[in-house]
């Protein structure tokens, strides 16, 4: 069975006023959906890969035939990264993390303010398009990093915990070229409960 577009976990206008409804609608129904269609097209002649999850495929790219590896990185990564992005946010969220994730963040960065500053820096200094991430290393420790285009942390052995999409289509209608403002406002949307769930997986 071909991969299907995961349902958006909230309505298009649920992230207002920080991210406008029109941006969410276009981002989800056009950009995310196109990555999904192109992923299925890349895999249509290799249906055996549908027995795996997209995460499993992206974690084991060496198993893919050479002719589809790059399309799957670009498009499958686009599908998976957007899934994490949508789940990283929610209405009535924001604030600060709690539980084991909060402890791990303060252990690594001393305090939440330092963590936020480093995460925003990762997003601001990503040249062109990509993502800022909080990921878990194989040894269980945390790291902040960014990836270009639609490269996925899974492909380098990392477990994504939280991400902010810094492609222009994620914020341009509302913020134009003000990526810094978008990143600052994004904290009002962070779904720390989902991030904690990912951290404990």
C-alpha atoms as a PDB file:
ATOM      1  CA  UNK A   1       0.000   0.000   0.000  1.00  0.00           C
ATOM      2  CA  UNK A   2       1.260   3.461  -0.902  1.00  0.00           C
ATOM      3  CA  UNK A   3       1.930   5.918   1.888  1.00  0.00           C
ATOM      4  CA  UNK A   4      -0.953   8.215   2.788  1.00  0.00           C
ATOM      5  CA  UNK A   5      -0.908  11.817   3.948  1.00  0.00           C
ATOM      6  CA  UNK A   6      -1.078  11.845   7.757  1.00  0.00           C
ATOM      7  CA  UNK A   7      -4.008  13.837   9.066  1.00  0.00           C
ATOM      8  CA  UNK A   8      -3.135  17.288  10.365  1.00  0.00           C
ATOM      9  CA  UNK A   9      -3.623  17.105  14.159  1.00  0.00           C
ATOM     10  CA  UNK A  10      -5.590  20.379  14.294  1.00  0.00           C
ATOM     11  CA  UNK A  11      -7.540  22.785  12.056  1.00  0.00           C
ATOM     12  CA  UNK A  12      -5.805  25.172   9.664  1.00  0.00           C
ATOM     13  CA  UNK A  13      -6.535  28.144  11.914  1.00  0.00           C
ATOM     14  CA  UNK A  14      -5.525  26.446  15.178  1.00  0.00           C
ATOM     15  CA  UNK A  15      -2.057  28.035  15.226  1.00  0.00           C
ATOM     16  CA  UNK A  16      -3.336  31.604  14.918  1.00  0.00           C
ATOM     17  CA  UNK A  17      -2.147  34.254  15.564  1.00  0.00           C
ATOM     18  CA  UNK A  18       1.425  32.939  15.426  1.00  0.00           C
ATOM     19  CA  UNK A  19       1.052  31.077  12.122  1.00  0.00           C
ATOM     20  CA  UNK A  20      -1.833  32.077   9.882  1.00  0.00           C
ATOM     21  CA  UNK A  21      -4.450  29.664   8.593  1.00  0.00           C
ATOM     22  CA  UNK A  22      -3.651  30.261   4.925  1.00  0.00           C
ATOM     23  CA  UNK A  23       0.012  29.368   5.454  1.00  0.00           C
ATOM     24  CA  UNK A  24      -0.904  26.136   7.259  1.00  0.00           C
ATOM     25  CA  UNK A  25      -3.398  25.209   4.536  1.00  0.00           C
ATOM     26  CA  UNK A  26      -0.949  25.771   1.674  1.00  0.00           C
ATOM     27  CA  UNK A  27       1.933  24.188   3.551  1.00  0.00           C
ATOM     28  CA  UNK A  28      -0.038  21.032   4.354  1.00  0.00           C
ATOM     29  CA  UNK A  29      -2.239  20.552   1.271  1.00  0.00           C
ATOM     30  CA  UNK A  30       0.342  21.627  -1.314  1.00  0.00           C
ATOM     31  CA  UNK A  31       3.918  21.253  -0.061  1.00  0.00           C
ATOM     32  CA  UNK A  32       3.504  18.274   2.286  1.00  0.00           C
ATOM     33  CA  UNK A  33       1.101  16.538  -0.088  1.00  0.00           C
ATOM     34  CA  UNK A  34       3.466  16.978  -3.038  1.00  0.00           C
ATOM     35  CA  UNK A  35       6.345  15.404  -1.130  1.00  0.00           C
ATOM     36  CA  UNK A  36       4.067  12.456  -0.378  1.00  0.00           C
ATOM     37  CA  UNK A  37       3.029  12.034  -4.025  1.00  0.00           C
ATOM     38  CA  UNK A  38       6.639  12.156  -5.163  1.00  0.00           C
ATOM     39  CA  UNK A  39       7.688   9.632  -2.511  1.00  0.00           C
ATOM     40  CA  UNK A  40       5.079   7.174  -3.726  1.00  0.00           C
ATOM     41  CA  UNK A  41       6.144   7.778  -7.325  1.00  0.00           C
ATOM     42  CA  UNK A  42       9.773   7.025  -6.433  1.00  0.00           C
ATOM     43  CA  UNK A  43       8.757   3.769  -4.743  1.00  0.00           C
ATOM     44  CA  UNK A  44       6.092   2.579  -7.191  1.00  0.00           C
ATOM     45  CA  UNK A  45       8.493   0.218  -8.989  1.00  0.00           C
ATOM     46  CA  UNK A  46       9.889  -1.039  -5.680  1.00  0.00           C
ATOM     47  CA  UNK A  47       6.713  -1.918  -3.715  1.00  0.00           C
ATOM     48  CA  UNK A  48       8.588  -4.130  -1.253  1.00  0.00           C
ATOM     49  CA  UNK A  49       9.575  -0.975   0.613  1.00  0.00           C
ATOM     50  CA  UNK A  50       5.955  -0.296   1.522  1.00  0.00           C
ATOM     51  CA  UNK A  51       6.221  -3.023   4.135  1.00  0.00           C
ATOM     52  CA  UNK A  52       8.408  -0.619   6.126  1.00  0.00           C
ATOM     53  CA  UNK A  53       7.502   2.642   7.787  1.00  0.00           C
ATOM     54  CA  UNK A  54       8.884   5.799   6.253  1.00  0.00           C
ATOM     55  CA  UNK A  55      11.032   6.218   9.345  1.00  0.00           C
ATOM     56  CA  UNK A  56      12.543   2.765   8.842  1.00  0.00           C
ATOM     57  CA  UNK A  57      13.317   3.559   5.194  1.00  0.00           C
ATOM     58  CA  UNK A  58      15.001   6.864   6.060  1.00  0.00           C
ATOM     59  CA  UNK A  59      17.010   5.155   8.804  1.00  0.00           C
ATOM     60  CA  UNK A  60      18.394   2.603   6.325  1.00  0.00           C
ATOM     61  CA  UNK A  61      18.987   4.467   3.079  1.00  0.00           C
ATOM     62  CA  UNK A  62      21.706   2.048   2.001  1.00  0.00           C
ATOM     63  CA  UNK A  63      19.001  -0.547   1.343  1.00  0.00           C
ATOM     64  CA  UNK A  64      17.481   1.578  -1.408  1.00  0.00           C
ATOM     65  CA  UNK A  65      18.459   1.102  -5.055  1.00  0.00           C
ATOM     66  CA  UNK A  66      20.780   3.860  -6.239  1.00  0.00           C
ATOM     67  CA  UNK A  67      18.288   5.258  -8.734  1.00  0.00           C
ATOM     68  CA  UNK A  68      15.677   6.099  -6.080  1.00  0.00           C
ATOM     69  CA  UNK A  69      17.861   6.982  -3.100  1.00  0.00           C
ATOM     70  CA  UNK A  70      18.063  10.706  -3.808  1.00  0.00           C
ATOM     71  CA  UNK A  71      14.327  11.077  -4.612  1.00  0.00           C
ATOM     72  CA  UNK A  72      13.482   9.264  -1.373  1.00  0.00           C
ATOM     73  CA  UNK A  73      15.872  11.464   0.646  1.00  0.00           C
ATOM     74  CA  UNK A  74      14.355  14.601  -0.862  1.00  0.00           C
ATOM     75  CA  UNK A  75      10.697  13.605  -0.853  1.00  0.00           C
ATOM     76  CA  UNK A  76      10.440  10.955   1.838  1.00  0.00           C
ATOM     77  CA  UNK A  77      12.443  13.251   4.063  1.00  0.00           C
ATOM     78  CA  UNK A  78       9.992  16.000   3.196  1.00  0.00           C
ATOM     79  CA  UNK A  79       7.065  13.865   4.311  1.00  0.00           C
ATOM     80  CA  UNK A  80       8.672  12.724   7.555  1.00  0.00           C
ATOM     81  CA  UNK A  81      10.123  16.117   8.505  1.00  0.00           C
ATOM     82  CA  UNK A  82       6.737  17.753   8.018  1.00  0.00           C
ATOM     83  CA  UNK A  83       5.097  15.088  10.175  1.00  0.00           C
ATOM     84  CA  UNK A  84       7.466  15.977  13.009  1.00  0.00           C
ATOM     85  CA  UNK A  85       6.979  19.702  12.387  1.00  0.00           C
ATOM     86  CA  UNK A  86       3.179  19.545  12.617  1.00  0.00           C
ATOM     87  CA  UNK A  87       3.377  17.418  15.759  1.00  0.00           C
ATOM     88  CA  UNK A  88       5.903  19.814  17.279  1.00  0.00           C
ATOM     89  CA  UNK A  89       3.140  22.426  17.507  1.00  0.00           C
ATOM     90  CA  UNK A  90      -0.388  22.730  18.754  1.00  0.00           C
ATOM     91  CA  UNK A  91      -3.029  25.137  19.999  1.00  0.00           C
ATOM     92  CA  UNK A  92      -2.891  26.105  23.677  1.00  0.00           C
ATOM     93  CA  UNK A  93       0.696  24.916  23.892  1.00  0.00           C
ATOM     94  CA  UNK A  94       3.980  26.765  24.401  1.00  0.00           C
ATOM     95  CA  UNK A  95       5.540  27.472  27.769  1.00  0.00           C
ATOM     96  CA  UNK A  96       8.407  25.327  28.985  1.00  0.00           C
ATOM     97  CA  UNK A  97       9.007  21.575  29.005  1.00  0.00           C
ATOM     98  CA  UNK A  98       8.480  19.443  32.074  1.00  0.00           C
ATOM     99  CA  UNK A  99       9.496  15.974  33.148  1.00  0.00           C
ATOM    100  CA  UNK A 100      12.532  14.086  31.904  1.00  0.00           C
ATOM    101  CA  UNK A 101      12.949  16.193  28.777  1.00  0.00           C
ATOM    102  CA  UNK A 102      13.113  19.388  30.836  1.00  0.00           C
ATOM    103  CA  UNK A 103      15.780  17.821  33.040  1.00  0.00           C
ATOM    104  CA  UNK A 104      17.791  16.695  30.007  1.00  0.00           C
ATOM    105  CA  UNK A 105      17.593  20.179  28.474  1.00  0.00           C
ATOM    106  CA  UNK A 106      18.815  21.925  31.622  1.00  0.00           C
ATOM    107  CA  UNK A 107      21.530  19.315  32.088  1.00  0.00           C
ATOM    108  CA  UNK A 108      22.791  19.990  28.575  1.00  0.00           C
ATOM    109  CA  UNK A 109      22.317  23.769  28.280  1.00  0.00           C
ATOM    110  CA  UNK A 110      22.200  24.900  31.945  1.00  0.00           C
ATOM    111  CA  UNK A 111      18.837  26.648  31.556  1.00  0.00           C
ATOM    112  CA  UNK A 112      15.880  26.921  29.211  1.00  0.00           C
ATOM    113  CA  UNK A 113      16.793  30.430  28.022  1.00  0.00           C
ATOM    114  CA  UNK A 114      20.174  29.221  26.782  1.00  0.00           C
ATOM    115  CA  UNK A 115      18.535  26.277  25.036  1.00  0.00           C
ATOM    116  CA  UNK A 116      16.047  28.596  23.277  1.00  0.00           C
ATOM    117  CA  UNK A 117      18.811  30.934  22.147  1.00  0.00           C
ATOM    118  CA  UNK A 118      20.859  28.061  20.698  1.00  0.00           C
ATOM    119  CA  UNK A 119      17.833  26.577  18.939  1.00  0.00           C
ATOM    120  CA  UNK A 120      16.912  29.925  17.378  1.00  0.00           C
ATOM    121  CA  UNK A 121      20.526  30.363  16.298  1.00  0.00           C
ATOM    122  CA  UNK A 122      20.379  26.995  14.504  1.00  0.00           C
ATOM    123  CA  UNK A 123      17.309  28.176  12.613  1.00  0.00           C
ATOM    124  CA  UNK A 124      18.640  31.633  11.821  1.00  0.00           C
ATOM    125  CA  UNK A 125      22.036  30.438  10.581  1.00  0.00           C
ATOM    126  CA  UNK A 126      20.624  27.708   8.309  1.00  0.00           C
ATOM    127  CA  UNK A 127      21.463  29.206   4.928  1.00  0.00           C
ATOM    128  CA  UNK A 128      18.617  28.805   2.470  1.00  0.00           C
ATOM    129  CA  UNK A 129      16.021  26.178   3.304  1.00  0.00           C
ATOM    130  CA  UNK A 130      15.961  23.565   6.024  1.00  0.00           C
ATOM    131  CA  UNK A 131      15.070  22.847   9.634  1.00  0.00           C
ATOM    132  CA  UNK A 132      16.246  23.515  13.168  1.00  0.00           C
ATOM    133  CA  UNK A 133      16.135  20.389  15.334  1.00  0.00           C
ATOM    134  CA  UNK A 134      16.352  19.114  18.854  1.00  0.00           C
ATOM    135  CA  UNK A 135      17.422  15.489  18.449  1.00  0.00           C
ATOM    136  CA  UNK A 136      18.536  12.609  20.651  1.00  0.00           C
ATOM    137  CA  UNK A 137      21.854  10.938  19.942  1.00  0.00           C
ATOM    138  CA  UNK A 138      22.239   7.149  20.132  1.00  0.00           C
ATOM    139  CA  UNK A 139      23.781   7.534  23.603  1.00  0.00           C
ATOM    140  CA  UNK A 140      20.635   9.301  24.842  1.00  0.00           C
ATOM    141  CA  UNK A 141      22.097  12.802  25.021  1.00  0.00           C
ATOM    142  CA  UNK A 142      20.518  15.788  23.296  1.00  0.00           C
ATOM    143  CA  UNK A 143      21.823  18.023  20.539  1.00  0.00           C
ATOM    144  CA  UNK A 144      20.634  21.094  18.658  1.00  0.00           C
ATOM    145  CA  UNK A 145      21.436  21.101  14.952  1.00  0.00           C
ATOM    146  CA  UNK A 146      20.054  22.067  11.567  1.00  0.00           C
ATOM    147  CA  UNK A 147      19.653  20.178   8.329  1.00  0.00           C
ATOM    148  CA  UNK A 148      19.503  21.498   4.752  1.00  0.00           C
ATOM    149  CA  UNK A 149      16.548  21.020   2.451  1.00  0.00           C
ATOM    150  CA  UNK A 150      14.673  17.819   3.410  1.00  0.00           C
ATOM    151  CA  UNK A 151      17.503  15.777   4.903  1.00  0.00           C
ATOM    152  CA  UNK A 152      16.208  13.830   7.893  1.00  0.00           C
ATOM    153  CA  UNK A 153      18.026  13.279  11.220  1.00  0.00           C
ATOM    154  CA  UNK A 154      17.026   9.609  11.114  1.00  0.00           C
ATOM    155  CA  UNK A 155      19.422   9.107   8.219  1.00  0.00           C
ATOM    156  CA  UNK A 156      22.394  10.009  10.425  1.00  0.00           C
ATOM    157  CA  UNK A 157      21.318   7.895  13.402  1.00  0.00           C
ATOM    158  CA  UNK A 158      19.564  10.669  15.333  1.00  0.00           C
ATOM    159  CA  UNK A 159      16.053  10.601  16.818  1.00  0.00           C
ATOM    160  CA  UNK A 160      14.077  13.793  16.146  1.00  0.00           C
ATOM    161  CA  UNK A 161      12.449  15.300  19.232  1.00  0.00           C
ATOM    162  CA  UNK A 162      11.339  18.718  18.014  1.00  0.00           C
ATOM    163  CA  UNK A 163      11.692  20.734  14.823  1.00  0.00           C
ATOM    164  CA  UNK A 164      10.979  24.135  13.336  1.00  0.00           C
ATOM    165  CA  UNK A 165      10.665  24.374   9.557  1.00  0.00           C
ATOM    166  CA  UNK A 166      12.613  27.385   8.275  1.00  0.00           C
ATOM    167  CA  UNK A 167      11.774  27.019   4.593  1.00  0.00           C
ATOM    168  CA  UNK A 168      10.275  30.343   3.480  1.00  0.00           C
ATOM    169  CA  UNK A 169       6.920  28.744   2.670  1.00  0.00           C
ATOM    170  CA  UNK A 170       6.532  28.006   6.390  1.00  0.00           C
ATOM    171  CA  UNK A 171       6.340  31.685   7.319  1.00  0.00           C
ATOM    172  CA  UNK A 172       6.538  34.036   4.322  1.00  0.00           C
ATOM    173  CA  UNK A 173       2.868  35.066   4.041  1.00  0.00           C
ATOM    174  CA  UNK A 174       2.855  36.411   7.596  1.00  0.00           C
ATOM    175  CA  UNK A 175       6.504  37.259   8.290  1.00  0.00           C
ATOM    176  CA  UNK A 176       7.979  37.855   4.810  1.00  0.00           C
ATOM    177  CA  UNK A 177      11.777  37.783   5.344  1.00  0.00           C
ATOM    178  CA  UNK A 178      11.574  38.074   9.157  1.00  0.00           C
ATOM    179  CA  UNK A 179      12.704  34.570  10.045  1.00  0.00           C
ATOM    180  CA  UNK A 180      13.879  35.707  13.478  1.00  0.00           C
ATOM    181  CA  UNK A 181      10.390  36.941  14.403  1.00  0.00           C
ATOM    182  CA  UNK A 182       8.849  33.684  13.198  1.00  0.00           C
ATOM    183  CA  UNK A 183      11.285  31.671  15.323  1.00  0.00           C
ATOM    184  CA  UNK A 184      10.620  33.797  18.399  1.00  0.00           C
ATOM    185  CA  UNK A 185       6.840  33.444  18.039  1.00  0.00           C
ATOM    186  CA  UNK A 186       7.100  29.720  17.305  1.00  0.00           C
ATOM    187  CA  UNK A 187       7.782  29.005  20.988  1.00  0.00           C
ATOM    188  CA  UNK A 188       4.153  29.923  21.720  1.00  0.00           C
ATOM    189  CA  UNK A 189       3.129  26.813  19.773  1.00  0.00           C
ATOM    190  CA  UNK A 190       5.578  24.154  20.934  1.00  0.00           C
ATOM    191  CA  UNK A 191       3.871  20.922  21.990  1.00  0.00           C
ATOM    192  CA  UNK A 192       6.131  19.861  24.832  1.00  0.00           C
ATOM    193  CA  UNK A 193       3.990  16.822  25.663  1.00  0.00           C
ATOM    194  CA  UNK A 194       4.624  15.402  22.177  1.00  0.00           C
ATOM    195  CA  UNK A 195       8.314  16.298  22.435  1.00  0.00           C
ATOM    196  CA  UNK A 196       8.517  14.432  25.756  1.00  0.00           C
ATOM    197  CA  UNK A 197       6.826  11.433  24.132  1.00  0.00           C
ATOM    198  CA  UNK A 198       9.415  11.400  21.345  1.00  0.00           C
ATOM    199  CA  UNK A 199      12.248  11.813  23.829  1.00  0.00           C
ATOM    200  CA  UNK A 200      11.120   8.762  25.803  1.00  0.00           C
ATOM    201  CA  UNK A 201      10.625   6.498  22.760  1.00  0.00           C
END
